[in-house]
């Protein structure tokens, strides 16, 4: 017998209707070169409907991919709603990638129309000759003059001004709404298709008390780009809650963001640890965090000392874990009820874990031979995940990833870790970043966190270098914020880890390479420094 209840599909259109009905008083703020723009959810909904009605005039049919080349702005947000409700597939291009990667993704996704912010047209002009599959361009005005190569493009405002405001036909919840690509740090970027259903369920999870816990009274500031896994789904969660939303545009310097936090009364912000480290370096007295009460942080491990420093400033820092393949939320640190009476130091330490699985996501630890390991906190293995917003396959991969990255419906994340009896995930490392020295594993994440706990260290990265006796040894790359020498840092580590874990070499550098999503880029670091660090290691790293 089939139930007839709940026949309304889970869709982007449903989320947009909810936002328009419940969020008439919420401020949606977007920053461009023209200044701060302000909308309400009903106003954004109207413009998104007009956009949806206008897309067929560009030759966009249901299922066609529509690319965007834009930063976090109100008009980009309109595209995140208008394209899917028209039945087309949004394909946000990562503006921070190399030109050849952008061109490859646009071709692989088969983008037919690309919307580009005026300020970014010079960047896109560099590769426009390579985008042979794109039939039309639409320039989104932002207070700057577009590149002359886009004189033939359609103007965004003119496009939607002539379109009717009408509710589009509902789409099936299982159809594609968005096509996002991974960062491609281990090869070609991989395409991940988000359905209307998965986007909606992921957005709903953002309202759960034991997840992002977004409320109508919140004002959200997602610093993760919209082109990176839909900014962790936060704009969609904001719509379901009817919450306020602030989009920072191109200037995401700590000073500019802190002004927005204070002036727009932001309560919840999200971003990668490298940004919050930079904010912290301004000093507690450098600016007022105002109404900010929570920071959702992910992308790489957060040093415990940073969590403690923000706590002293009255802000809770919660660590999340996930990836594009997981839409991207997989886990988040929340202090569970039976641990609430623990001493403050122990409660804060829980936020230095990767938290426990977001409701709806299942996690397991798997040994190399495929054995599922117990959640005992001491049995390490690869973390695998499944759930209603976790992909089960990539979109037309150019390699064997669909055979190697999935097992019986589970995503093989490539992260190595344990899950303790309380359900908290403890990552040891990415499988490709572990250091195997003398047959024993050394966690680069643990070493990096301990290094960044030192007051003189702003950033740290640990990579493996070859060694003739031990196979590999760890070497540290360090960015300092105060005077310190290598032996002092090595002594600091010896007080915290086994002596054989301590890097043989500590190299001081001006900055560390990051990926297009703000994560530390160890692939690039190895290419830049591995040979030099190996030469500095005792025995010269020679085999």
Protein backbone atom coordinates (compact mmCIF):
# COMPACT_ATOMS: atom_id res chain seq x y z
CA UNK A 1 0.00 0.00 0.00
CA UNK A 2 1.40 3.42 -0.99
CA UNK A 3 0.86 6.42 1.25
CA UNK A 4 -0.61 9.56 -0.33
CA UNK A 5 0.76 11.85 2.38
CA UNK A 6 3.60 14.26 1.69
CA UNK A 7 3.18 14.32 -2.08
CA UNK A 8 4.74 17.78 -2.42
CA UNK A 9 8.29 17.27 -3.72
CA UNK A 10 11.33 18.35 -1.78
CA UNK A 11 12.70 21.03 -4.06
CA UNK A 12 14.50 24.34 -4.33
CA UNK A 13 11.13 25.90 -5.24
CA UNK A 14 9.67 24.66 -1.97
CA UNK A 15 12.54 26.25 -0.03
CA UNK A 16 12.07 29.52 -1.91
CA UNK A 17 8.33 29.61 -1.15
CA UNK A 18 9.10 28.96 2.51
CA UNK A 19 11.61 31.82 2.58
CA UNK A 20 9.18 34.25 0.96
CA UNK A 21 6.44 33.31 3.43
CA UNK A 22 8.50 33.37 6.63
CA UNK A 23 11.32 35.84 5.95
CA UNK A 24 9.79 39.21 4.99
CA UNK A 25 11.67 40.99 7.77
CA UNK A 26 15.06 39.29 7.35
CA UNK A 27 17.80 41.38 5.74
CA UNK A 28 19.72 39.87 2.84
CA UNK A 29 22.88 41.93 2.42
CA UNK A 30 25.33 41.66 -0.45
CA UNK A 31 28.55 43.63 -0.91
CA UNK A 32 29.82 44.67 -4.36
CA UNK A 33 31.92 47.52 -5.76
CA UNK A 34 28.70 49.53 -5.85
CA UNK A 35 28.28 49.19 -2.07
CA UNK A 36 25.92 47.14 0.08
CA UNK A 37 22.69 45.99 -1.46
CA UNK A 38 19.74 44.93 0.67
CA UNK A 39 16.82 42.67 -0.16
CA UNK A 40 14.19 40.64 1.65
CA UNK A 41 13.39 37.01 0.95
CA UNK A 42 10.12 37.91 -0.87
CA UNK A 43 12.04 40.31 -3.12
CA UNK A 44 14.70 37.71 -3.87
CA UNK A 45 11.98 35.13 -4.60
CA UNK A 46 10.33 37.44 -7.14
CA UNK A 47 13.62 38.08 -8.94
CA UNK A 48 14.44 34.36 -8.95
CA UNK A 49 11.05 33.58 -10.53
CA UNK A 50 11.65 36.21 -13.22
CA UNK A 51 15.07 34.71 -13.89
CA UNK A 52 13.53 31.25 -14.23
CA UNK A 53 11.00 32.60 -16.72
CA UNK A 54 13.76 34.33 -18.71
CA UNK A 55 16.10 31.35 -19.09
CA UNK A 56 14.24 29.82 -22.09
CA UNK A 57 14.89 33.04 -24.03
CA UNK A 58 18.59 32.16 -23.75
CA UNK A 59 17.94 28.71 -25.13
CA UNK A 60 18.10 27.01 -21.73
CA UNK A 61 15.97 23.87 -21.55
CA UNK A 62 15.28 21.64 -18.53
CA UNK A 63 18.39 19.65 -17.67
CA UNK A 64 20.78 22.10 -19.36
CA UNK A 65 23.76 23.23 -17.34
CA UNK A 66 24.00 26.93 -16.52
CA UNK A 67 27.41 28.07 -15.33
CA UNK A 68 28.12 30.93 -12.95
CA UNK A 69 31.41 32.79 -12.54
CA UNK A 70 30.80 34.92 -9.50
CA UNK A 71 31.60 35.57 -5.84
CA UNK A 72 29.18 35.70 -2.90
CA UNK A 73 26.58 38.30 -3.89
CA UNK A 74 22.82 38.75 -3.91
CA UNK A 75 22.57 38.27 -7.67
CA UNK A 76 24.61 35.08 -7.45
CA UNK A 77 22.19 33.93 -4.74
CA UNK A 78 19.30 34.64 -7.13
CA UNK A 79 20.92 32.25 -9.61
CA UNK A 80 21.14 29.55 -6.95
CA UNK A 81 17.35 29.66 -6.81
CA UNK A 82 16.27 30.80 -10.26
CA UNK A 83 18.22 28.22 -12.27
CA UNK A 84 17.07 25.09 -10.38
CA UNK A 85 13.41 26.15 -10.16
CA UNK A 86 13.45 26.48 -13.96
CA UNK A 87 14.43 22.81 -14.18
CA UNK A 88 17.97 23.62 -15.33
CA UNK A 89 21.15 22.60 -13.49
CA UNK A 90 23.24 25.24 -11.73
CA UNK A 91 26.99 24.75 -12.26
CA UNK A 92 29.01 27.22 -10.16
CA UNK A 93 32.55 27.59 -11.51
CA UNK A 94 35.33 28.07 -8.98
CA UNK A 95 36.85 31.45 -9.87
CA UNK A 96 40.01 30.63 -7.88
CA UNK A 97 41.07 27.66 -9.99
CA UNK A 98 43.69 27.84 -12.70
CA UNK A 99 42.43 28.86 -16.13
CA UNK A 100 42.89 25.40 -17.64
CA UNK A 101 40.93 23.81 -14.79
CA UNK A 102 38.03 26.25 -15.23
CA UNK A 103 37.93 25.58 -18.97
CA UNK A 104 38.06 21.82 -18.39
CA UNK A 105 35.17 21.91 -15.89
CA UNK A 106 32.97 24.08 -18.13
CA UNK A 107 33.54 21.64 -21.00
CA UNK A 108 33.07 18.54 -18.86
CA UNK A 109 29.84 19.93 -17.39
CA UNK A 110 28.68 21.00 -20.86
CA UNK A 111 27.78 24.50 -19.71
CA UNK A 112 25.58 26.15 -22.33
CA UNK A 113 25.13 29.58 -20.74
CA UNK A 114 27.46 31.31 -18.28
CA UNK A 115 26.51 34.18 -15.97
CA UNK A 116 29.58 36.23 -15.04
CA UNK A 117 29.99 39.14 -12.62
CA UNK A 118 31.27 42.26 -14.36
CA UNK A 119 34.34 42.49 -12.12
CA UNK A 120 35.34 38.95 -13.11
CA UNK A 121 34.95 39.35 -16.88
CA UNK A 122 38.70 40.11 -17.36
CA UNK A 123 39.50 36.76 -15.76
CA UNK A 124 36.98 34.90 -17.90
CA UNK A 125 38.11 36.75 -21.03
CA UNK A 126 41.45 34.94 -20.74
CA UNK A 127 39.82 31.57 -21.37
CA UNK A 128 36.72 32.52 -23.36
CA UNK A 129 38.21 31.19 -26.63
CA UNK A 130 38.51 27.78 -24.98
CA UNK A 131 34.86 27.72 -23.85
CA UNK A 132 33.61 26.53 -27.20
CA UNK A 133 30.51 24.86 -25.79
CA UNK A 134 29.11 28.05 -24.22
CA UNK A 135 26.45 29.61 -26.47
CA UNK A 136 25.54 32.73 -24.50
CA UNK A 137 27.01 34.93 -21.76
CA UNK A 138 25.12 37.09 -19.30
CA UNK A 139 26.98 39.86 -17.46
CA UNK A 140 25.83 40.47 -13.91
CA UNK A 141 26.37 44.15 -13.02
CA UNK A 142 28.28 44.89 -9.82
CA UNK A 143 29.36 48.52 -10.13
CA UNK A 144 32.34 47.85 -12.41
CA UNK A 145 32.77 48.01 -16.17
CA UNK A 146 32.82 44.62 -17.93
CA UNK A 147 35.70 43.60 -20.18
CA UNK A 148 35.28 44.69 -23.83
CA UNK A 149 35.22 41.04 -24.92
CA UNK A 150 31.79 40.78 -23.32
CA UNK A 151 30.18 43.63 -25.25
CA UNK A 152 28.00 40.99 -26.93
CA UNK A 153 26.74 39.60 -23.63
CA UNK A 154 23.22 39.93 -22.30
CA UNK A 155 22.71 42.31 -19.37
CA UNK A 156 21.35 40.47 -16.34
CA UNK A 157 19.01 43.25 -15.21
CA UNK A 158 17.57 43.69 -18.70
CA UNK A 159 17.08 39.92 -18.92
CA UNK A 160 14.90 39.62 -15.84
CA UNK A 161 13.17 43.01 -16.21
CA UNK A 162 11.28 41.78 -19.24
CA UNK A 163 10.31 38.42 -17.77
CA UNK A 164 7.01 37.67 -16.02
CA UNK A 165 6.77 36.92 -12.32
CA UNK A 166 5.11 33.53 -12.35
CA UNK A 167 5.48 30.34 -10.36
CA UNK A 168 7.38 27.79 -12.46
CA UNK A 169 6.19 24.24 -12.93
CA UNK A 170 7.28 21.97 -10.09
CA UNK A 171 10.16 19.62 -10.84
CA UNK A 172 10.68 16.05 -9.72
CA UNK A 173 12.67 16.00 -6.48
CA UNK A 174 15.11 13.41 -7.84
CA UNK A 175 16.20 15.56 -10.79
CA UNK A 176 19.52 17.38 -10.76
CA UNK A 177 19.54 20.89 -9.30
CA UNK A 178 23.25 21.63 -8.98
CA UNK A 179 26.52 20.24 -10.31
CA UNK A 180 29.51 21.03 -8.09
CA UNK A 181 33.12 20.02 -8.67
CA UNK A 182 35.72 18.94 -6.14
CA UNK A 183 38.95 20.85 -5.71
CA UNK A 184 40.94 18.39 -7.82
CA UNK A 185 43.92 18.21 -5.44
CA UNK A 186 44.62 14.60 -6.44
CA UNK A 187 43.79 14.75 -10.17
CA UNK A 188 41.04 16.15 -12.34
CA UNK A 189 38.14 17.71 -10.39
CA UNK A 190 35.21 15.36 -9.96
CA UNK A 191 31.61 16.37 -10.69
CA UNK A 192 29.06 15.77 -7.94
CA UNK A 193 25.35 16.08 -8.76
CA UNK A 194 23.04 17.43 -6.06
CA UNK A 195 19.36 16.64 -6.58
CA UNK A 196 16.52 18.89 -5.44
CA UNK A 197 15.79 16.28 -2.78
CA UNK A 198 19.35 16.08 -1.46
CA UNK A 199 19.77 19.87 -1.38
CA UNK A 200 16.51 20.24 0.57
CA UNK A 201 17.29 17.49 3.07
CA UNK A 202 20.80 18.88 3.59
CA UNK A 203 19.33 22.36 4.14
CA UNK A 204 16.83 20.94 6.64
CA UNK A 205 19.67 19.30 8.52
CA UNK A 206 21.20 22.75 8.98
CA UNK A 207 18.22 23.63 11.18
CA UNK A 208 18.68 20.63 13.47
CA UNK A 209 19.65 21.47 17.05
CA UNK A 210 22.58 19.03 16.90
CA UNK A 211 23.80 20.40 13.59
CA UNK A 212 24.24 24.02 12.42
CA UNK A 213 21.16 24.92 14.53
CA UNK A 214 20.17 27.82 12.25
CA UNK A 215 17.21 29.79 13.58
CA UNK A 216 14.93 32.50 12.21
CA UNK A 217 16.52 35.00 14.59
CA UNK A 218 20.03 34.35 13.22
CA UNK A 219 22.04 36.45 10.80
CA UNK A 220 24.40 34.22 8.84
CA UNK A 221 27.71 35.17 7.26
CA UNK A 222 29.04 32.28 5.12
CA UNK A 223 32.60 33.08 4.07
CA UNK A 224 32.90 29.85 2.15
CA UNK A 225 32.18 30.68 -1.50
CA UNK A 226 28.85 29.83 -3.04
CA UNK A 227 30.81 27.93 -5.69
CA UNK A 228 32.23 25.64 -2.98
CA UNK A 229 29.56 23.02 -2.20
CA UNK A 230 26.87 25.75 -2.21
CA UNK A 231 28.63 27.54 0.66
CA UNK A 232 28.08 24.50 2.88
CA UNK A 233 24.35 24.71 2.08
CA UNK A 234 23.95 27.66 4.44
CA UNK A 235 22.03 29.93 1.99
CA UNK A 236 19.43 27.20 1.58
CA UNK A 237 19.22 26.61 5.33
CA UNK A 238 18.79 30.36 5.81
CA UNK A 239 15.85 30.28 3.41
CA UNK A 240 14.10 27.48 5.29
CA UNK A 241 14.58 29.30 8.58
CA UNK A 242 13.75 32.75 7.19
CA UNK A 243 17.05 33.95 8.68
CA UNK A 244 19.13 36.95 7.71
CA UNK A 245 22.06 36.44 5.35
CA UNK A 246 25.18 38.49 4.66
CA UNK A 247 27.30 37.92 1.53
CA UNK A 248 30.70 39.56 1.75
CA UNK A 249 31.57 39.83 -1.94
CA UNK A 250 35.19 39.97 -3.04
CA UNK A 251 36.73 41.66 -0.01
CA UNK A 252 37.04 38.95 2.62
CA UNK A 253 39.94 40.51 4.48
CA UNK A 254 39.67 40.13 8.26
CA UNK A 255 39.11 43.87 8.69
CA UNK A 256 36.29 44.02 6.12
CA UNK A 257 34.60 40.93 7.50
CA UNK A 258 34.76 42.19 11.08
CA UNK A 259 33.06 45.41 9.98
CA UNK A 260 30.26 43.35 8.46
CA UNK A 261 29.97 41.22 11.58
CA UNK A 262 29.59 44.28 13.76
CA UNK A 263 27.42 46.46 11.51
CA UNK A 264 25.07 43.73 10.27
CA UNK A 265 24.81 42.09 13.71
CA UNK A 266 25.97 38.67 12.48
CA UNK A 267 25.30 35.84 14.93
CA UNK A 268 26.71 32.81 13.04
CA UNK A 269 29.68 32.86 10.66
CA UNK A 270 31.32 30.06 8.71
CA UNK A 271 34.74 29.71 7.14
CA UNK A 272 38.02 27.81 6.98
CA UNK A 273 40.56 27.83 9.85
CA UNK A 274 43.12 29.88 7.91
CA UNK A 275 40.72 32.83 7.93
CA UNK A 276 39.92 32.63 11.63
CA UNK A 277 43.62 32.32 12.41
CA UNK A 278 44.14 35.59 10.52
CA UNK A 279 41.32 37.26 12.45
CA UNK A 280 42.77 36.05 15.73
CA UNK A 281 46.16 37.53 14.85
CA UNK A 282 44.55 40.97 14.87
CA UNK A 283 44.27 40.53 18.63
CA UNK A 284 41.21 40.51 20.92
CA UNK A 285 41.28 44.29 21.15
CA UNK A 286 41.69 44.93 17.43
CA UNK A 287 37.97 44.83 16.74
CA UNK A 288 34.70 43.95 18.36
CA UNK A 289 33.10 40.61 17.50
CA UNK A 290 29.78 42.21 18.37
CA UNK A 291 26.81 39.84 18.35
CA UNK A 292 28.79 36.92 16.90
CA UNK A 293 28.17 33.86 19.06
CA UNK A 294 29.17 30.89 16.91
CA UNK A 295 31.75 30.10 14.24
CA UNK A 296 31.25 27.04 12.06
CA UNK A 297 34.69 26.01 10.90
CA UNK A 298 35.87 23.31 8.53
CA UNK A 299 38.21 22.44 5.71
CA UNK A 300 41.15 21.50 7.90
CA UNK A 301 41.78 20.79 11.57
CA UNK A 302 41.40 23.63 14.10
CA UNK A 303 44.12 24.03 16.74
CA UNK A 304 42.72 23.63 20.25
CA UNK A 305 44.43 26.85 21.35
CA UNK A 306 42.45 28.78 18.70
CA UNK A 307 39.19 27.27 19.99
CA UNK A 308 40.16 28.34 23.51
CA UNK A 309 41.05 31.88 22.44
CA UNK A 310 37.70 32.42 20.72
CA UNK A 311 35.95 30.94 23.75
CA UNK A 312 37.60 33.59 25.90
CA UNK A 313 36.15 36.18 23.53
CA UNK A 314 32.66 34.73 24.04
CA UNK A 315 32.42 32.88 20.71
CA UNK A 316 31.86 29.12 20.38
CA UNK A 317 33.92 27.58 17.59
CA UNK A 318 32.42 24.36 16.22
CA UNK A 319 34.44 22.13 13.94
CA UNK A 320 32.75 20.43 11.03
CA UNK A 321 33.91 17.72 8.68
CA UNK A 322 32.74 16.78 5.23
CA UNK A 323 33.50 17.18 1.54
CA UNK A 324 31.87 18.16 -1.75
CA UNK A 325 30.71 14.56 -2.15
CA UNK A 326 28.73 14.97 1.10
CA UNK A 327 27.01 18.25 0.09
CA UNK A 328 29.26 18.81 2.24
CA UNK A 329 28.16 18.19 5.85
CA UNK A 330 29.12 14.95 7.55
CA UNK A 331 29.76 15.78 11.20
CA UNK A 332 29.91 18.70 13.62
CA UNK A 333 31.15 19.20 17.16
CA UNK A 334 28.39 19.54 19.71
CA UNK A 335 28.80 18.76 23.40
CA UNK A 336 26.53 15.79 24.00
CA UNK A 337 24.22 15.81 26.99
CA UNK A 338 25.99 13.19 29.07
CA UNK A 339 29.25 15.16 28.69
CA UNK A 340 27.84 18.57 29.61
CA UNK A 341 29.05 18.34 33.22
CA UNK A 342 32.66 17.73 32.22
CA UNK A 343 35.22 20.42 33.12
CA UNK A 344 35.36 23.34 30.69
CA UNK A 345 38.73 22.27 29.28
CA UNK A 346 37.34 18.85 28.37
CA UNK A 347 34.25 20.34 26.75
CA UNK A 348 36.37 22.67 24.64
CA UNK A 349 38.59 19.75 23.65
CA UNK A 350 35.54 18.07 22.11
CA UNK A 351 35.47 20.92 19.58
CA UNK A 352 38.97 19.93 18.49
CA UNK A 353 37.56 16.60 17.28
CA UNK A 354 35.56 16.37 14.07
CA UNK A 355 32.36 15.91 16.06
CA UNK A 356 29.72 13.26 15.62
CA UNK A 357 27.68 12.45 12.55
CA UNK A 358 25.07 14.94 11.43
CA UNK A 359 21.60 13.37 11.81
CA UNK A 360 20.99 11.55 8.54
CA UNK A 361 24.63 10.64 7.95
CA UNK A 362 26.10 7.26 8.86
CA UNK A 363 29.84 6.82 9.41
CA UNK A 364 31.98 3.73 9.77
CA UNK A 365 35.69 2.89 10.11
CA UNK A 366 37.05 0.33 7.66
CA UNK A 367 40.38 -1.50 7.66
CA UNK A 368 42.41 -1.88 4.42
CA UNK A 369 41.10 -5.43 4.02
CA UNK A 370 37.47 -4.19 4.18
CA UNK A 371 36.78 -5.21 7.78
CA UNK A 372 34.43 -2.82 9.57
CA UNK A 373 36.17 -1.75 12.78
CA UNK A 374 34.58 -0.99 16.17
CA UNK A 375 33.89 2.54 17.39
CA UNK A 376 36.35 2.21 20.24
CA UNK A 377 38.47 5.31 19.66
CA UNK A 378 41.65 3.25 19.14
CA UNK A 379 41.06 1.26 15.94
CA UNK A 380 42.09 3.45 12.98
CA UNK A 381 40.87 2.97 9.46
CA UNK A 382 39.41 4.79 6.48
CA UNK A 383 36.24 6.73 7.26
CA UNK A 384 33.33 5.82 5.02
CA UNK A 385 30.01 7.66 4.83
CA UNK A 386 26.53 7.31 3.43
CA UNK A 387 23.33 9.28 3.73
CA UNK A 388 20.54 11.06 1.82
CA UNK A 389 22.90 13.86 0.69
CA UNK A 390 26.04 11.74 0.20
CA UNK A 391 26.76 10.93 -3.44
CA UNK A 392 27.04 7.35 -4.64
CA UNK A 393 28.85 8.14 -7.91
CA UNK A 394 30.64 10.93 -9.77
CA UNK A 395 29.34 12.62 -12.89
CA UNK A 396 31.18 11.12 -15.89
CA UNK A 397 34.59 10.70 -14.21
CA UNK A 398 37.61 10.47 -16.50
CA UNK A 399 39.15 7.70 -14.41
CA UNK A 400 38.10 4.66 -12.34
CA UNK A 401 36.93 6.75 -9.35
CA UNK A 402 33.40 5.29 -9.47
CA UNK A 403 34.92 1.86 -8.88
CA UNK A 404 37.59 2.81 -6.35
CA UNK A 405 35.89 5.54 -4.28
CA UNK A 406 32.65 3.72 -3.47
CA UNK A 407 31.98 0.44 -1.69
CA UNK A 408 28.51 -1.10 -1.32
CA UNK A 409 26.80 2.30 -1.32
CA UNK A 410 29.38 3.89 0.99
CA UNK A 411 31.65 6.79 0.02
CA UNK A 412 35.31 6.08 0.71
CA UNK A 413 36.44 9.48 1.98
CA UNK A 414 40.20 8.90 1.99
CA UNK A 415 40.37 10.22 5.55
CA UNK A 416 41.94 8.00 8.20
CA UNK A 417 40.67 8.14 11.76
CA UNK A 418 38.81 6.59 14.64
CA UNK A 419 35.33 6.97 16.12
CA UNK A 420 35.15 6.83 19.90
CA UNK A 421 32.40 5.17 21.99
CA UNK A 422 30.62 8.55 22.33
CA UNK A 423 30.44 8.81 18.54
CA UNK A 424 33.07 11.53 18.10
CA UNK A 425 35.16 11.34 14.95
CA UNK A 426 38.91 11.81 15.40
CA UNK A 427 40.76 12.25 12.12
CA UNK A 428 44.35 11.12 12.08
CA UNK A 429 45.14 12.28 8.54
CA UNK A 430 44.30 12.03 4.89
CA UNK A 431 45.57 8.67 3.70
CA UNK A 432 47.92 10.42 1.27
CA UNK A 433 49.26 12.79 3.98
CA UNK A 434 50.19 10.26 6.66
CA UNK A 435 53.92 9.93 7.32
CA UNK A 436 55.13 6.33 7.52
CA UNK A 437 58.40 6.31 9.43
CA UNK A 438 60.06 3.01 10.25
CA UNK A 439 56.82 1.19 9.53
CA UNK A 440 54.84 3.36 11.99
CA UNK A 441 52.32 6.06 11.13
CA UNK A 442 52.77 9.69 12.17
CA UNK A 443 49.81 12.06 11.97
CA UNK A 444 50.66 15.33 10.22
CA UNK A 445 47.40 16.81 11.55
CA UNK A 446 48.40 16.21 15.18
CA UNK A 447 51.84 17.74 14.62
CA UNK A 448 50.34 20.78 12.87
CA UNK A 449 47.85 21.36 15.68
CA UNK A 450 50.56 21.12 18.34
CA UNK A 451 52.78 23.53 16.41
CA UNK A 452 49.93 26.04 16.02
CA UNK A 453 49.29 25.84 19.74
CA UNK A 454 52.61 27.68 20.21
CA UNK A 455 52.08 31.42 20.62
CA UNK A 456 54.74 32.27 18.02
CA UNK A 457 53.25 30.10 15.26
CA UNK A 458 50.58 31.47 12.94
CA UNK A 459 50.38 28.55 10.51
CA UNK A 460 52.06 25.16 10.19
CA UNK A 461 52.14 22.35 7.69
CA UNK A 462 53.85 18.98 8.04
CA UNK A 463 54.78 16.89 5.00
CA UNK A 464 56.67 13.63 4.51
CA UNK A 465 60.17 13.64 3.05
CA UNK A 466 62.06 10.53 1.88
CA UNK A 467 64.65 8.99 4.20
CA UNK A 468 67.12 6.15 3.44
CA UNK A 469 66.68 4.44 6.80
CA UNK A 470 63.15 5.23 7.98
CA UNK A 471 61.43 5.42 4.60
CA UNK A 472 59.87 8.79 5.43
CA UNK A 473 60.37 11.47 8.05
CA UNK A 474 58.12 14.45 8.92
CA UNK A 475 59.30 17.96 8.08
CA UNK A 476 57.55 21.13 9.23
CA UNK A 477 56.86 24.33 7.31
CA UNK A 478 56.07 27.18 9.70
CA UNK A 479 54.75 30.74 9.36
CA UNK A 480 55.50 32.72 12.52
CA UNK A 481 53.83 35.71 14.14
CA UNK A 482 56.63 36.26 16.71
CA UNK A 483 60.32 35.46 17.00
CA UNK A 484 61.08 31.79 17.62
CA UNK A 485 63.75 29.30 16.57
CA UNK A 486 63.47 25.76 15.27
CA UNK A 487 64.86 24.08 18.39
CA UNK A 488 62.32 25.86 20.59
CA UNK A 489 59.51 24.47 18.44
CA UNK A 490 61.03 21.01 18.45
CA UNK A 491 61.23 21.15 22.25
CA UNK A 492 57.60 22.26 22.33
CA UNK A 493 56.67 19.17 20.32
CA UNK A 494 58.78 16.82 22.44
CA UNK A 495 56.68 17.84 25.46
CA UNK A 496 53.53 16.66 23.62
CA UNK A 497 54.35 13.77 21.29
CA UNK A 498 56.68 10.79 21.10
CA UNK A 499 60.25 11.83 20.36
CA UNK A 500 60.34 9.90 17.08
CA UNK A 501 57.38 11.98 15.84
CA UNK A 502 59.32 15.26 16.14
CA UNK A 503 60.27 16.62 12.68
CA UNK A 504 63.96 16.52 11.88
CA UNK A 505 63.62 19.82 10.01
CA UNK A 506 61.61 22.96 10.79
CA UNK A 507 61.68 25.39 7.87
CA UNK A 508 60.39 28.96 8.30
CA UNK A 509 58.44 30.30 5.28
CA UNK A 510 56.61 33.52 4.47
CA UNK A 511 53.33 31.78 3.64
CA UNK A 512 51.83 28.39 2.91
CA UNK A 513 50.06 27.44 -0.31
CA UNK A 514 46.30 27.02 -0.14
CA UNK A 515 43.77 25.45 -2.46
CA UNK A 516 41.03 27.34 -4.25
CA UNK A 517 38.79 26.74 -1.24
CA UNK A 518 41.25 28.04 1.36
CA UNK A 519 42.55 24.68 2.59
CA UNK A 520 46.27 24.07 2.99
CA UNK A 521 47.56 22.60 -0.28
CA UNK A 522 50.00 19.84 0.64
CA UNK A 523 50.27 18.65 -2.94
CA UNK A 524 51.65 22.05 -3.91
CA UNK A 525 53.83 22.22 -0.79
CA UNK A 526 55.43 18.88 -1.61
CA UNK A 527 56.19 20.08 -5.13
CA UNK A 528 57.76 23.30 -3.80
CA UNK A 529 59.70 22.10 -0.77
CA UNK A 530 60.00 18.32 -0.53
CA UNK A 531 63.39 18.07 -2.24
CA UNK A 532 64.86 20.94 -0.21
CA UNK A 533 63.55 19.55 3.08
CA UNK A 534 64.82 16.08 2.23
CA UNK A 535 68.29 17.52 1.61
CA UNK A 536 68.22 19.23 5.03
CA UNK A 537 67.12 16.04 6.80
CA UNK A 538 69.91 14.03 8.49
CA UNK A 539 71.43 11.64 5.92
CA UNK A 540 70.30 14.05 3.20
CA UNK A 541 67.20 12.07 2.35
CA UNK A 542 69.31 10.07 -0.09
CA UNK A 543 68.53 6.45 -0.84
